[in-house]
Structures are given as C-alpha cells and as structure tokens.
Amino acid sequence: MRFCIAGALLLLSALGAWAQTAPVRPDLAALIECRQRIGDFSALAPVLADPLKAVALGWTPLDQSNLFMTEYTLNTPIRVFGHSTNHIAFSGASIMAILDLPDPRPLAKQLDLELGVDNAEKVMYGRELVSEDTTNPKTGEAMIESVVLSVTNVKSHPGKTVVGCGYSLDLP
C-alpha cells in the first residue's frame, strides 16, 4: 500500500512539473482575428524564440519562402473568419493565417476593411480595431496600444490570401 501511495505521489509531482514547463496553447484564431490584446500576442515570444517550444505546440517550422515571414504548419487546423487553415506566419508584431483564397478582395469586403492598395501586383486592406491610451507597465511611460486587422496577397504565396492582426505599443 505504501508503494502505491508513493508511486501516486511521484506521478503527481512529475505531472505538476510537466504542467509548469509545458507551453500554454495560445488561441491562434483569436490572435489572428484581432480578438486578443498585445499582452496575449507578447506571450508568444518564448515560443517564437525557441523552435522546440513551437514543435511542442504542434507547429512544424517551414522553410522561409519570404524573408519577412516565419511560417509554420499546424498539426491541427484552425478556423479563421470561416476558413480552415493549417498554415500560419509571423512577421514582426503580426500573426497571420495563409488561406487558400486566390483573391483577398471578397474577404476584405466581408470584414469591412478599408482599401490601402489595389493594383496588378498588390492588394492590401486593413482597419485599426483598437487604439487606446495605456501605460507601459515597466516604465510608466504613456503609450498607445494599437490592434490592426489586415488582408493582403504576397508574391511569395501566389493564389493565397494572407489575413492577420498586428499588435503594437507605440509612443503617442
């Protein structure tokens, strides 16, 4: 009996240690759809800095076909604005889904985004969803939190639509 109790305690302590080191699964769809805030996006920094943490979340790093994007294939697809995808990307302070939509315009219209560029080579729509005065918690300095939804196409991904959210903390 003592052996069973000791074994159970050992198992519980191992599970507790694993839970403390296991990466928290971010809500990727919410981040991409701009339903989160900058703190939620910033929580991804350790995952983006360590490929093994990304793999532990079920993300497979892809070869870099675009110098400005870090891309992953997800083991489990997500739904973004009604479209299923297993392909995500990061660029600076933005997280994006890469959708199998040849023309970004219908999605931009569905999302009521403003036209930025529309020519033979580039289509870009966007809208700032959040612009709030805040304070940098580390410095106490006045800042503006901005959350911007965008839909575009990218030469490196022909026949695809890139939709995502940019999170920034800027000086006023």
C-alpha atoms as a PDB file:
ATOM      1  CA  MET A   1       0.000   0.000   0.000  1.00  0.00           C
ATOM      2  CA  ARG A   2       2.817   2.403   0.847  1.00  0.00           C
ATOM      3  CA  PHE A   3       4.353   1.616  -2.535  1.00  0.00           C
ATOM      4  CA  CYS A   4       1.110   2.586  -4.328  1.00  0.00           C
ATOM      5  CA  ILE A   5       0.836   5.863  -2.414  1.00  0.00           C
ATOM      6  CA  ALA A   6       4.497   6.687  -3.032  1.00  0.00           C
ATOM      7  CA  GLY A   7       4.073   5.857  -6.724  1.00  0.00           C
ATOM      8  CA  ALA A   8       0.970   8.028  -6.971  1.00  0.00           C
ATOM      9  CA  LEU A   9       2.745  10.940  -5.278  1.00  0.00           C
ATOM     10  CA  LEU A  10       5.716  10.564  -7.609  1.00  0.00           C
ATOM     11  CA  LEU A  11       3.405  10.543 -10.634  1.00  0.00           C
ATOM     12  CA  LEU A  12       1.539  13.626  -9.397  1.00  0.00           C
ATOM     13  CA  SER A  13       4.765  15.524  -8.784  1.00  0.00           C
ATOM     14  CA  ALA A  14       6.033  14.599 -12.258  1.00  0.00           C
ATOM     15  CA  LEU A  15       2.751  15.753 -13.817  1.00  0.00           C
ATOM     16  CA  GLY A  16       2.949  19.001 -11.844  1.00  0.00           C
ATOM     17  CA  ALA A  17       6.481  19.646 -13.085  1.00  0.00           C
ATOM     18  CA  TRP A  18       5.429  18.841 -16.655  1.00  0.00           C
ATOM     19  CA  ALA A  19       2.455  21.217 -16.406  1.00  0.00           C
ATOM     20  CA  GLN A  20       4.782  24.021 -15.301  1.00  0.00           C
ATOM     21  CA  THR A  21       7.107  23.507 -18.278  1.00  0.00           C
ATOM     22  CA  ALA A  22       4.527  22.589 -20.929  1.00  0.00           C
ATOM     23  CA  PRO A  23       3.798  25.520 -23.227  1.00  0.00           C
ATOM     24  CA  VAL A  24       0.357  27.097 -22.927  1.00  0.00           C
ATOM     25  CA  ARG A  25      -1.616  26.667 -26.139  1.00  0.00           C
ATOM     26  CA  PRO A  26      -2.396  30.125 -27.489  1.00  0.00           C
ATOM     27  CA  ASP A  27      -5.747  30.812 -29.135  1.00  0.00           C
ATOM     28  CA  LEU A  28      -4.294  31.317 -32.607  1.00  0.00           C
ATOM     29  CA  ALA A  29      -7.629  32.028 -34.287  1.00  0.00           C
ATOM     30  CA  ALA A  30      -8.417  34.741 -31.723  1.00  0.00           C
ATOM     31  CA  LEU A  31      -4.963  36.278 -32.190  1.00  0.00           C
ATOM     32  CA  ILE A  32      -5.269  36.239 -35.993  1.00  0.00           C
ATOM     33  CA  GLU A  33      -8.824  37.641 -35.880  1.00  0.00           C
ATOM     34  CA  CYS A  34      -7.719  40.500 -33.552  1.00  0.00           C
ATOM     35  CA  ARG A  35      -9.854  39.245 -30.667  1.00  0.00           C
ATOM     36  CA  GLN A  36      -6.891  39.418 -28.270  1.00  0.00           C
ATOM     37  CA  ARG A  37      -4.646  42.164 -26.940  1.00  0.00           C
ATOM     38  CA  ILE A  38      -0.940  42.931 -27.115  1.00  0.00           C
ATOM     39  CA  GLY A  39      -0.247  41.027 -23.882  1.00  0.00           C
ATOM     40  CA  ASP A  40      -1.685  37.859 -25.415  1.00  0.00           C
ATOM     41  CA  PHE A  41       0.469  38.294 -28.517  1.00  0.00           C
ATOM     42  CA  SER A  42       3.552  39.066 -26.414  1.00  0.00           C
ATOM     43  CA  ALA A  43       3.054  35.783 -24.549  1.00  0.00           C
ATOM     44  CA  LEU A  44       4.117  34.027 -27.782  1.00  0.00           C
ATOM     45  CA  ALA A  45       7.648  35.474 -27.606  1.00  0.00           C
ATOM     46  CA  PRO A  46       9.185  32.422 -25.875  1.00  0.00           C
ATOM     47  CA  VAL A  47       7.596  30.104 -28.450  1.00  0.00           C
ATOM     48  CA  LEU A  48       8.840  32.176 -31.380  1.00  0.00           C
ATOM     49  CA  ALA A  49      12.332  32.334 -29.884  1.00  0.00           C
ATOM     50  CA  ASP A  50      12.605  28.565 -29.368  1.00  0.00           C
ATOM     51  CA  PRO A  51      11.658  26.225 -32.250  1.00  0.00           C
ATOM     52  CA  LEU A  52      11.366  23.296 -29.827  1.00  0.00           C
ATOM     53  CA  LYS A  53       8.590  25.120 -27.947  1.00  0.00           C
ATOM     54  CA  ALA A  54       6.783  25.640 -31.255  1.00  0.00           C
ATOM     55  CA  VAL A  55       7.137  21.939 -32.072  1.00  0.00           C
ATOM     56  CA  ALA A  56       5.777  21.077 -28.605  1.00  0.00           C
ATOM     57  CA  LEU A  57       2.643  23.052 -29.529  1.00  0.00           C
ATOM     58  CA  GLY A  58       2.228  21.038 -32.729  1.00  0.00           C
ATOM     59  CA  TRP A  59       3.733  23.633 -35.064  1.00  0.00           C
ATOM     60  CA  THR A  60       6.158  22.495 -37.771  1.00  0.00           C
ATOM     61  CA  PRO A  61       8.600  25.213 -38.895  1.00  0.00           C
ATOM     62  CA  LEU A  62       8.644  25.722 -42.671  1.00  0.00           C
ATOM     63  CA  ASP A  63      11.476  26.784 -44.930  1.00  0.00           C
ATOM     64  CA  GLN A  64      11.484  30.548 -45.254  1.00  0.00           C
ATOM     65  CA  SER A  65       9.992  31.391 -48.671  1.00  0.00           C
ATOM     66  CA  ASN A  66       9.540  35.037 -47.667  1.00  0.00           C
ATOM     67  CA  LEU A  67      12.374  36.844 -45.869  1.00  0.00           C
ATOM     68  CA  PHE A  68       9.881  38.845 -43.814  1.00  0.00           C
ATOM     69  CA  MET A  69       7.803  35.917 -42.516  1.00  0.00           C
ATOM     70  CA  THR A  70       8.427  32.969 -40.203  1.00  0.00           C
ATOM     71  CA  GLU A  71       5.992  30.221 -41.174  1.00  0.00           C
ATOM     72  CA  TYR A  72       4.590  27.115 -39.531  1.00  0.00           C
ATOM     73  CA  THR A  73       2.282  24.258 -40.441  1.00  0.00           C
ATOM     74  CA  LEU A  74      -0.101  23.334 -37.635  1.00  0.00           C
ATOM     75  CA  ASN A  75      -0.810  19.700 -36.755  1.00  0.00           C
ATOM     76  CA  THR A  76      -4.426  20.687 -36.110  1.00  0.00           C
ATOM     77  CA  PRO A  77      -6.095  23.157 -38.491  1.00  0.00           C
ATOM     78  CA  ILE A  78      -7.744  26.306 -37.154  1.00  0.00           C
ATOM     79  CA  ARG A  79     -10.734  28.271 -38.472  1.00  0.00           C
ATOM     80  CA  VAL A  80     -10.160  31.923 -39.246  1.00  0.00           C
ATOM     81  CA  PHE A  81     -13.079  34.064 -40.403  1.00  0.00           C
ATOM     82  CA  GLY A  82     -14.869  30.882 -41.523  1.00  0.00           C
ATOM     83  CA  HIS A  83     -11.910  29.400 -43.429  1.00  0.00           C
ATOM     84  CA  SER A  84      -9.888  26.387 -42.338  1.00  0.00           C
ATOM     85  CA  THR A  85      -6.087  26.531 -42.488  1.00  0.00           C
ATOM     86  CA  ASN A  86      -3.071  24.802 -41.037  1.00  0.00           C
ATOM     87  CA  HIS A  87      -0.609  27.437 -42.284  1.00  0.00           C
ATOM     88  CA  ILE A  88       0.322  30.417 -40.093  1.00  0.00           C
ATOM     89  CA  ALA A  89       3.038  33.040 -40.248  1.00  0.00           C
ATOM     90  CA  PHE A  90       4.604  35.725 -38.092  1.00  0.00           C
ATOM     91  CA  SER A  91       6.158  38.981 -39.247  1.00  0.00           C
ATOM     92  CA  GLY A  92       7.344  41.447 -36.643  1.00  0.00           C
ATOM     93  CA  ALA A  93       4.406  42.093 -34.319  1.00  0.00           C
ATOM     94  CA  SER A  94       1.879  40.418 -36.622  1.00  0.00           C
ATOM     95  CA  ILE A  95       0.363  36.945 -36.715  1.00  0.00           C
ATOM     96  CA  MET A  96      -1.266  35.765 -39.931  1.00  0.00           C
ATOM     97  CA  ALA A  97      -3.143  32.860 -41.459  1.00  0.00           C
ATOM     98  CA  ILE A  98      -2.388  31.880 -45.022  1.00  0.00           C
ATOM     99  CA  LEU A  99      -5.658  30.892 -46.678  1.00  0.00           C
ATOM    100  CA  ASP A 100      -6.405  29.038 -49.901  1.00  0.00           C
ATOM    101  CA  LEU A 101      -8.242  32.023 -51.366  1.00  0.00           C
ATOM    102  CA  PRO A 102      -6.903  33.318 -54.687  1.00  0.00           C
ATOM    103  CA  ASP A 103      -8.457  36.792 -54.298  1.00  0.00           C
ATOM    104  CA  PRO A 104      -8.278  38.703 -50.989  1.00  0.00           C
ATOM    105  CA  ARG A 105     -10.973  41.210 -52.001  1.00  0.00           C
ATOM    106  CA  PRO A 106     -14.077  39.190 -51.009  1.00  0.00           C
ATOM    107  CA  LEU A 107     -12.674  38.518 -47.533  1.00  0.00           C
ATOM    108  CA  ALA A 108     -11.707  42.180 -47.135  1.00  0.00           C
ATOM    109  CA  LYS A 109     -15.245  43.169 -48.112  1.00  0.00           C
ATOM    110  CA  GLN A 110     -16.730  40.620 -45.676  1.00  0.00           C
ATOM    111  CA  LEU A 111     -14.593  42.111 -42.894  1.00  0.00           C
ATOM    112  CA  ASP A 112     -15.465  45.692 -43.901  1.00  0.00           C
ATOM    113  CA  LEU A 113     -11.812  46.691 -44.282  1.00  0.00           C
ATOM    114  CA  GLU A 114     -10.509  49.883 -45.853  1.00  0.00           C
ATOM    115  CA  LEU A 115      -8.627  49.795 -49.141  1.00  0.00           C
ATOM    116  CA  GLY A 116      -4.926  50.553 -48.888  1.00  0.00           C
ATOM    117  CA  VAL A 117      -3.528  49.331 -52.216  1.00  0.00           C
ATOM    118  CA  ASP A 118      -5.167  47.597 -55.156  1.00  0.00           C
ATOM    119  CA  ASN A 119      -3.125  47.209 -58.308  1.00  0.00           C
ATOM    120  CA  ALA A 120      -1.890  44.425 -60.569  1.00  0.00           C
ATOM    121  CA  GLU A 121       0.848  43.376 -58.138  1.00  0.00           C
ATOM    122  CA  LYS A 122      -0.543  44.052 -54.671  1.00  0.00           C
ATOM    123  CA  VAL A 123      -3.856  44.094 -52.843  1.00  0.00           C
ATOM    124  CA  MET A 124      -3.916  45.377 -49.268  1.00  0.00           C
ATOM    125  CA  TYR A 125      -6.836  46.178 -46.982  1.00  0.00           C
ATOM    126  CA  GLY A 126      -6.894  46.985 -43.292  1.00  0.00           C
ATOM    127  CA  ARG A 127      -8.561  48.659 -40.357  1.00  0.00           C
ATOM    128  CA  GLU A 128      -7.403  49.702 -36.918  1.00  0.00           C
ATOM    129  CA  LEU A 129      -9.707  47.978 -34.449  1.00  0.00           C
ATOM    130  CA  VAL A 130      -8.110  49.211 -31.215  1.00  0.00           C
ATOM    131  CA  SER A 131      -6.322  52.461 -30.482  1.00  0.00           C
ATOM    132  CA  GLU A 132      -6.213  53.064 -26.744  1.00  0.00           C
ATOM    133  CA  ASP A 133      -4.103  55.151 -24.429  1.00  0.00           C
ATOM    134  CA  THR A 134      -2.245  52.960 -21.980  1.00  0.00           C
ATOM    135  CA  THR A 135       0.855  52.983 -19.815  1.00  0.00           C
ATOM    136  CA  ASN A 136       3.974  50.906 -20.271  1.00  0.00           C
ATOM    137  CA  PRO A 137       3.919  48.712 -17.144  1.00  0.00           C
ATOM    138  CA  LYS A 138       7.727  48.632 -16.945  1.00  0.00           C
ATOM    139  CA  THR A 139       8.447  52.352 -17.362  1.00  0.00           C
ATOM    140  CA  GLY A 140       5.171  54.104 -16.566  1.00  0.00           C
ATOM    141  CA  GLU A 141       5.514  55.912 -19.903  1.00  0.00           C
ATOM    142  CA  ALA A 142       2.342  56.886 -21.799  1.00  0.00           C
ATOM    143  CA  MET A 143       1.757  54.615 -24.805  1.00  0.00           C
ATOM    144  CA  ILE A 144      -0.883  53.817 -27.403  1.00  0.00           C
ATOM    145  CA  GLU A 145      -1.964  50.205 -27.869  1.00  0.00           C
ATOM    146  CA  SER A 146      -2.917  49.548 -31.475  1.00  0.00           C
ATOM    147  CA  VAL A 147      -4.522  46.448 -32.998  1.00  0.00           C
ATOM    148  CA  VAL A 148      -4.820  46.364 -36.802  1.00  0.00           C
ATOM    149  CA  LEU A 149      -6.593  43.752 -38.933  1.00  0.00           C
ATOM    150  CA  SER A 150      -5.314  43.311 -42.481  1.00  0.00           C
ATOM    151  CA  VAL A 151      -5.961  41.240 -45.590  1.00  0.00           C
ATOM    152  CA  THR A 152      -3.460  41.090 -48.421  1.00  0.00           C
ATOM    153  CA  ASN A 153      -1.713  38.993 -51.014  1.00  0.00           C
ATOM    154  CA  VAL A 154       2.021  38.272 -51.111  1.00  0.00           C
ATOM    155  CA  LYS A 155       4.175  37.469 -54.160  1.00  0.00           C
ATOM    156  CA  SER A 156       5.872  34.618 -52.307  1.00  0.00           C
ATOM    157  CA  HIS A 157       2.477  32.877 -51.893  1.00  0.00           C
ATOM    158  CA  PRO A 158       0.652  33.092 -55.244  1.00  0.00           C
ATOM    159  CA  GLY A 159      -3.012  32.160 -55.146  1.00  0.00           C
ATOM    160  CA  LYS A 160      -3.190  32.660 -51.381  1.00  0.00           C
ATOM    161  CA  THR A 161      -4.721  35.305 -49.143  1.00  0.00           C
ATOM    162  CA  VAL A 162      -2.912  36.442 -46.022  1.00  0.00           C
ATOM    163  CA  VAL A 163      -5.132  37.651 -43.181  1.00  0.00           C
ATOM    164  CA  GLY A 164      -3.923  38.659 -39.781  1.00  0.00           C
ATOM    165  CA  CYS A 165      -3.515  41.031 -36.943  1.00  0.00           C
ATOM    166  CA  GLY A 166      -0.766  43.432 -35.958  1.00  0.00           C
ATOM    167  CA  TYR A 167      -0.301  44.283 -32.295  1.00  0.00           C
ATOM    168  CA  SER A 168       1.772  47.304 -31.312  1.00  0.00           C
ATOM    169  CA  LEU A 169       2.554  49.561 -28.399  1.00  0.00           C
ATOM    170  CA  ASP A 170       3.616  52.972 -29.690  1.00  0.00           C
ATOM    171  CA  LEU A 171       4.618  56.338 -28.311  1.00  0.00           C
ATOM    172  CA  PRO A 172       1.844  58.960 -28.572  1.00  0.00           C
END
